[in-house]
């Protein structure tokens, strides 16, 4: 069955769009799609991009994107092995563990980034590859170096190597 042609003018179609408020500047605009959040491309770019001539993501947007993919990959790996996964953050685990390494007991440098040896990482007590879950109960804060040395072994195996 053929669709009837829309005989309304552009102005008539535009007038029927719902009114929304721009997330960047607060100006009222007519929303084309439910997913539209900004009144113009300029407001969209202001929210997403650096002011620099080369563009690119802002540092906060890069960090949000990194954390999103990190969590998504953790969930995917746990599901692949048949394990359970729950949301948690590095800062949440660091606060719980009082910024102490769960492997050596030393203080973790929270401002450092990997590959610095004292950078913070999440260590699975029972590795996901050995059937461990990706839950807050099975993770601890660890130095990048300590976590790298441990690898995919459990703590009992680490004591035998150490």
C-alpha atoms as a PDB file:
ATOM      1  CA  UNK A   1       0.000   0.000   0.000  1.00  0.00           C
ATOM      2  CA  UNK A   2       1.481   3.307  -1.078  1.00  0.00           C
ATOM      3  CA  UNK A   3       1.921   6.168   1.367  1.00  0.00           C
ATOM      4  CA  UNK A   4       0.012   9.373   0.820  1.00  0.00           C
ATOM      5  CA  UNK A   5       2.253  12.323   0.010  1.00  0.00           C
ATOM      6  CA  UNK A   6       2.561  14.968   2.747  1.00  0.00           C
ATOM      7  CA  UNK A   7       0.973  18.053   1.227  1.00  0.00           C
ATOM      8  CA  UNK A   8       1.779  20.384   4.135  1.00  0.00           C
ATOM      9  CA  UNK A   9       4.331  23.128   3.588  1.00  0.00           C
ATOM     10  CA  UNK A  10       7.698  23.181   5.369  1.00  0.00           C
ATOM     11  CA  UNK A  11       6.460  25.949   7.689  1.00  0.00           C
ATOM     12  CA  UNK A  12       3.393  23.883   8.637  1.00  0.00           C
ATOM     13  CA  UNK A  13       5.517  20.805   9.356  1.00  0.00           C
ATOM     14  CA  UNK A  14       8.031  22.857  11.376  1.00  0.00           C
ATOM     15  CA  UNK A  15       5.273  24.442  13.462  1.00  0.00           C
ATOM     16  CA  UNK A  16       4.205  20.984  14.702  1.00  0.00           C
ATOM     17  CA  UNK A  17       7.639  20.117  16.156  1.00  0.00           C
ATOM     18  CA  UNK A  18       7.858  20.097  19.973  1.00  0.00           C
ATOM     19  CA  UNK A  19       9.629  22.979  21.684  1.00  0.00           C
ATOM     20  CA  UNK A  20      12.751  22.111  23.707  1.00  0.00           C
ATOM     21  CA  UNK A  21      15.432  23.979  25.628  1.00  0.00           C
ATOM     22  CA  UNK A  22      19.059  23.882  24.417  1.00  0.00           C
ATOM     23  CA  UNK A  23      21.384  22.102  26.886  1.00  0.00           C
ATOM     24  CA  UNK A  24      24.234  24.489  26.080  1.00  0.00           C
ATOM     25  CA  UNK A  25      22.727  27.984  25.964  1.00  0.00           C
ATOM     26  CA  UNK A  26      19.185  27.445  27.284  1.00  0.00           C
ATOM     27  CA  UNK A  27      17.530  28.977  24.204  1.00  0.00           C
ATOM     28  CA  UNK A  28      14.146  27.579  23.080  1.00  0.00           C
ATOM     29  CA  UNK A  29      14.112  25.735  19.745  1.00  0.00           C
ATOM     30  CA  UNK A  30      11.905  23.333  17.805  1.00  0.00           C
ATOM     31  CA  UNK A  31      13.235  19.773  18.154  1.00  0.00           C
ATOM     32  CA  UNK A  32      13.564  17.823  14.873  1.00  0.00           C
ATOM     33  CA  UNK A  33      14.234  14.426  16.513  1.00  0.00           C
ATOM     34  CA  UNK A  34      13.843  13.249  20.115  1.00  0.00           C
ATOM     35  CA  UNK A  35      17.623  12.792  20.318  1.00  0.00           C
ATOM     36  CA  UNK A  36      18.435  16.444  19.508  1.00  0.00           C
ATOM     37  CA  UNK A  37      19.775  18.288  22.559  1.00  0.00           C
ATOM     38  CA  UNK A  38      21.113  21.553  21.124  1.00  0.00           C
ATOM     39  CA  UNK A  39      19.605  24.444  19.183  1.00  0.00           C
ATOM     40  CA  UNK A  40      22.435  24.653  16.653  1.00  0.00           C
ATOM     41  CA  UNK A  41      25.649  23.046  15.470  1.00  0.00           C
ATOM     42  CA  UNK A  42      27.618  25.785  17.263  1.00  0.00           C
ATOM     43  CA  UNK A  43      26.068  24.869  20.633  1.00  0.00           C
ATOM     44  CA  UNK A  44      26.698  21.192  19.951  1.00  0.00           C
ATOM     45  CA  UNK A  45      30.351  21.871  19.139  1.00  0.00           C
ATOM     46  CA  UNK A  46      30.730  24.126  22.188  1.00  0.00           C
ATOM     47  CA  UNK A  47      29.603  21.246  24.377  1.00  0.00           C
ATOM     48  CA  UNK A  48      31.627  18.504  22.663  1.00  0.00           C
ATOM     49  CA  UNK A  49      34.726  20.123  21.227  1.00  0.00           C
ATOM     50  CA  UNK A  50      37.726  22.159  22.349  1.00  0.00           C
ATOM     51  CA  UNK A  51      37.813  25.797  21.361  1.00  0.00           C
ATOM     52  CA  UNK A  52      41.092  25.147  19.525  1.00  0.00           C
ATOM     53  CA  UNK A  53      41.361  25.317  15.739  1.00  0.00           C
ATOM     54  CA  UNK A  54      41.927  21.571  15.382  1.00  0.00           C
ATOM     55  CA  UNK A  55      38.868  20.594  17.423  1.00  0.00           C
ATOM     56  CA  UNK A  56      38.846  17.186  19.037  1.00  0.00           C
ATOM     57  CA  UNK A  57      37.188  16.116  22.255  1.00  0.00           C
ATOM     58  CA  UNK A  58      37.529  18.199  25.392  1.00  0.00           C
ATOM     59  CA  UNK A  59      39.481  16.624  28.274  1.00  0.00           C
ATOM     60  CA  UNK A  60      36.291  15.975  30.261  1.00  0.00           C
ATOM     61  CA  UNK A  61      34.623  14.368  27.224  1.00  0.00           C
ATOM     62  CA  UNK A  62      37.716  12.192  26.651  1.00  0.00           C
ATOM     63  CA  UNK A  63      37.632  11.049  30.279  1.00  0.00           C
ATOM     64  CA  UNK A  64      33.903  10.241  30.104  1.00  0.00           C
ATOM     65  CA  UNK A  65      34.475   8.307  26.885  1.00  0.00           C
ATOM     66  CA  UNK A  66      37.425   6.386  28.378  1.00  0.00           C
ATOM     67  CA  UNK A  67      35.454   5.432  31.494  1.00  0.00           C
ATOM     68  CA  UNK A  68      32.448   4.389  29.398  1.00  0.00           C
ATOM     69  CA  UNK A  69      34.506   2.023  27.236  1.00  0.00           C
ATOM     70  CA  UNK A  70      36.439   0.717  30.219  1.00  0.00           C
ATOM     71  CA  UNK A  71      33.223  -0.266  32.001  1.00  0.00           C
ATOM     72  CA  UNK A  72      31.667  -1.676  28.828  1.00  0.00           C
ATOM     73  CA  UNK A  73      34.691  -3.884  28.162  1.00  0.00           C
ATOM     74  CA  UNK A  74      34.735  -5.138  31.758  1.00  0.00           C
ATOM     75  CA  UNK A  75      31.072  -6.141  31.497  1.00  0.00           C
ATOM     76  CA  UNK A  76      31.672  -7.819  28.136  1.00  0.00           C
ATOM     77  CA  UNK A  77      34.649  -9.835  29.401  1.00  0.00           C
ATOM     78  CA  UNK A  78      32.731 -10.961  32.507  1.00  0.00           C
ATOM     79  CA  UNK A  79      29.681 -11.967  30.449  1.00  0.00           C
ATOM     80  CA  UNK A  80      31.878 -13.875  27.995  1.00  0.00           C
ATOM     81  CA  UNK A  81      33.168 -16.025  30.866  1.00  0.00           C
ATOM     82  CA  UNK A  82      29.684 -16.465  32.363  1.00  0.00           C
ATOM     83  CA  UNK A  83      30.468 -14.252  35.363  1.00  0.00           C
ATOM     84  CA  UNK A  84      28.462 -11.531  37.063  1.00  0.00           C
ATOM     85  CA  UNK A  85      29.229  -7.840  36.605  1.00  0.00           C
ATOM     86  CA  UNK A  86      28.195  -4.772  38.605  1.00  0.00           C
ATOM     87  CA  UNK A  87      29.062  -1.105  38.104  1.00  0.00           C
ATOM     88  CA  UNK A  88      31.913   0.449  40.099  1.00  0.00           C
ATOM     89  CA  UNK A  89      34.522   3.147  39.570  1.00  0.00           C
ATOM     90  CA  UNK A  90      38.234   3.369  40.243  1.00  0.00           C
ATOM     91  CA  UNK A  91      37.631   6.306  42.603  1.00  0.00           C
ATOM     92  CA  UNK A  92      34.969   4.361  44.486  1.00  0.00           C
ATOM     93  CA  UNK A  93      37.296   1.388  44.983  1.00  0.00           C
ATOM     94  CA  UNK A  94      40.189   3.715  45.967  1.00  0.00           C
ATOM     95  CA  UNK A  95      38.016   5.391  48.593  1.00  0.00           C
ATOM     96  CA  UNK A  96      36.915   2.021  49.958  1.00  0.00           C
ATOM     97  CA  UNK A  97      40.516   0.728  50.122  1.00  0.00           C
ATOM     98  CA  UNK A  98      41.822   4.074  51.492  1.00  0.00           C
ATOM     99  CA  UNK A  99      44.243   4.444  48.534  1.00  0.00           C
ATOM    100  CA  UNK A 100      46.313   1.432  49.660  1.00  0.00           C
ATOM    101  CA  UNK A 101      47.526  -1.271  47.273  1.00  0.00           C
ATOM    102  CA  UNK A 102      45.785  -4.569  48.003  1.00  0.00           C
ATOM    103  CA  UNK A 103      48.885  -6.518  46.940  1.00  0.00           C
ATOM    104  CA  UNK A 104      51.814  -4.764  48.649  1.00  0.00           C
ATOM    105  CA  UNK A 105      50.036  -2.452  51.111  1.00  0.00           C
ATOM    106  CA  UNK A 106      51.788   0.711  49.873  1.00  0.00           C
ATOM    107  CA  UNK A 107      50.089   4.026  49.139  1.00  0.00           C
ATOM    108  CA  UNK A 108      48.847   4.397  45.543  1.00  0.00           C
ATOM    109  CA  UNK A 109      49.619   7.652  43.668  1.00  0.00           C
ATOM    110  CA  UNK A 110      46.092   8.560  42.535  1.00  0.00           C
ATOM    111  CA  UNK A 111      47.272  11.436  40.293  1.00  0.00           C
ATOM    112  CA  UNK A 112      49.614   9.255  38.236  1.00  0.00           C
ATOM    113  CA  UNK A 113      48.565   7.645  34.966  1.00  0.00           C
ATOM    114  CA  UNK A 114      49.474   4.220  33.625  1.00  0.00           C
ATOM    115  CA  UNK A 115      52.347   3.247  32.803  1.00  0.00           C
ATOM    116  CA  UNK A 116      53.742   4.932  35.956  1.00  0.00           C
ATOM    117  CA  UNK A 117      54.600   2.063  38.381  1.00  0.00           C
ATOM    118  CA  UNK A 118      52.567   3.585  41.246  1.00  0.00           C
ATOM    119  CA  UNK A 119      49.535   4.487  39.105  1.00  0.00           C
ATOM    120  CA  UNK A 120      46.167   3.184  40.346  1.00  0.00           C
ATOM    121  CA  UNK A 121      44.624   0.127  38.692  1.00  0.00           C
ATOM    122  CA  UNK A 122      41.787  -2.261  39.487  1.00  0.00           C
ATOM    123  CA  UNK A 123      42.937  -5.777  40.412  1.00  0.00           C
ATOM    124  CA  UNK A 124      40.559  -8.742  40.382  1.00  0.00           C
ATOM    125  CA  UNK A 125      41.279 -10.904  43.446  1.00  0.00           C
ATOM    126  CA  UNK A 126      40.005 -14.000  41.609  1.00  0.00           C
ATOM    127  CA  UNK A 127      40.826 -13.190  37.964  1.00  0.00           C
ATOM    128  CA  UNK A 128      37.931 -13.052  35.497  1.00  0.00           C
ATOM    129  CA  UNK A 129      39.866 -15.517  33.327  1.00  0.00           C
ATOM    130  CA  UNK A 130      39.799 -17.995  36.252  1.00  0.00           C
ATOM    131  CA  UNK A 131      36.037 -17.630  36.730  1.00  0.00           C
ATOM    132  CA  UNK A 132      35.961 -14.620  39.066  1.00  0.00           C
ATOM    133  CA  UNK A 133      33.137 -12.090  38.967  1.00  0.00           C
ATOM    134  CA  UNK A 134      33.468  -8.421  38.059  1.00  0.00           C
ATOM    135  CA  UNK A 135      31.928  -7.168  41.312  1.00  0.00           C
ATOM    136  CA  UNK A 136      33.025  -4.750  44.045  1.00  0.00           C
ATOM    137  CA  UNK A 137      33.622  -7.711  46.376  1.00  0.00           C
ATOM    138  CA  UNK A 138      36.140  -9.253  43.961  1.00  0.00           C
ATOM    139  CA  UNK A 139      38.194  -6.138  43.111  1.00  0.00           C
ATOM    140  CA  UNK A 140      40.834  -4.173  44.973  1.00  0.00           C
ATOM    141  CA  UNK A 141      43.054  -1.177  44.320  1.00  0.00           C
ATOM    142  CA  UNK A 142      46.599  -1.999  43.200  1.00  0.00           C
ATOM    143  CA  UNK A 143      49.707  -0.287  41.864  1.00  0.00           C
ATOM    144  CA  UNK A 144      50.169  -0.707  38.118  1.00  0.00           C
ATOM    145  CA  UNK A 145      53.462  -2.511  38.746  1.00  0.00           C
ATOM    146  CA  UNK A 146      52.030  -4.892  41.396  1.00  0.00           C
ATOM    147  CA  UNK A 147      49.041  -5.684  39.173  1.00  0.00           C
ATOM    148  CA  UNK A 148      51.290  -6.304  36.155  1.00  0.00           C
ATOM    149  CA  UNK A 149      53.511  -8.692  38.114  1.00  0.00           C
ATOM    150  CA  UNK A 150      50.464 -10.567  39.413  1.00  0.00           C
ATOM    151  CA  UNK A 151      48.965 -10.867  35.939  1.00  0.00           C
ATOM    152  CA  UNK A 152      46.078 -13.367  35.630  1.00  0.00           C
ATOM    153  CA  UNK A 153      47.128 -15.387  38.662  1.00  0.00           C
ATOM    154  CA  UNK A 154      45.342 -15.551  41.979  1.00  0.00           C
ATOM    155  CA  UNK A 155      46.947 -14.254  45.196  1.00  0.00           C
ATOM    156  CA  UNK A 156      47.841 -17.806  46.323  1.00  0.00           C
ATOM    157  CA  UNK A 157      49.859 -18.395  43.137  1.00  0.00           C
ATOM    158  CA  UNK A 158      51.535 -14.985  43.538  1.00  0.00           C
ATOM    159  CA  UNK A 159      52.863 -15.938  46.985  1.00  0.00           C
ATOM    160  CA  UNK A 160      54.537 -19.031  45.498  1.00  0.00           C
ATOM    161  CA  UNK A 161      56.261 -16.957  42.771  1.00  0.00           C
ATOM    162  CA  UNK A 162      57.167 -13.928  44.938  1.00  0.00           C
END
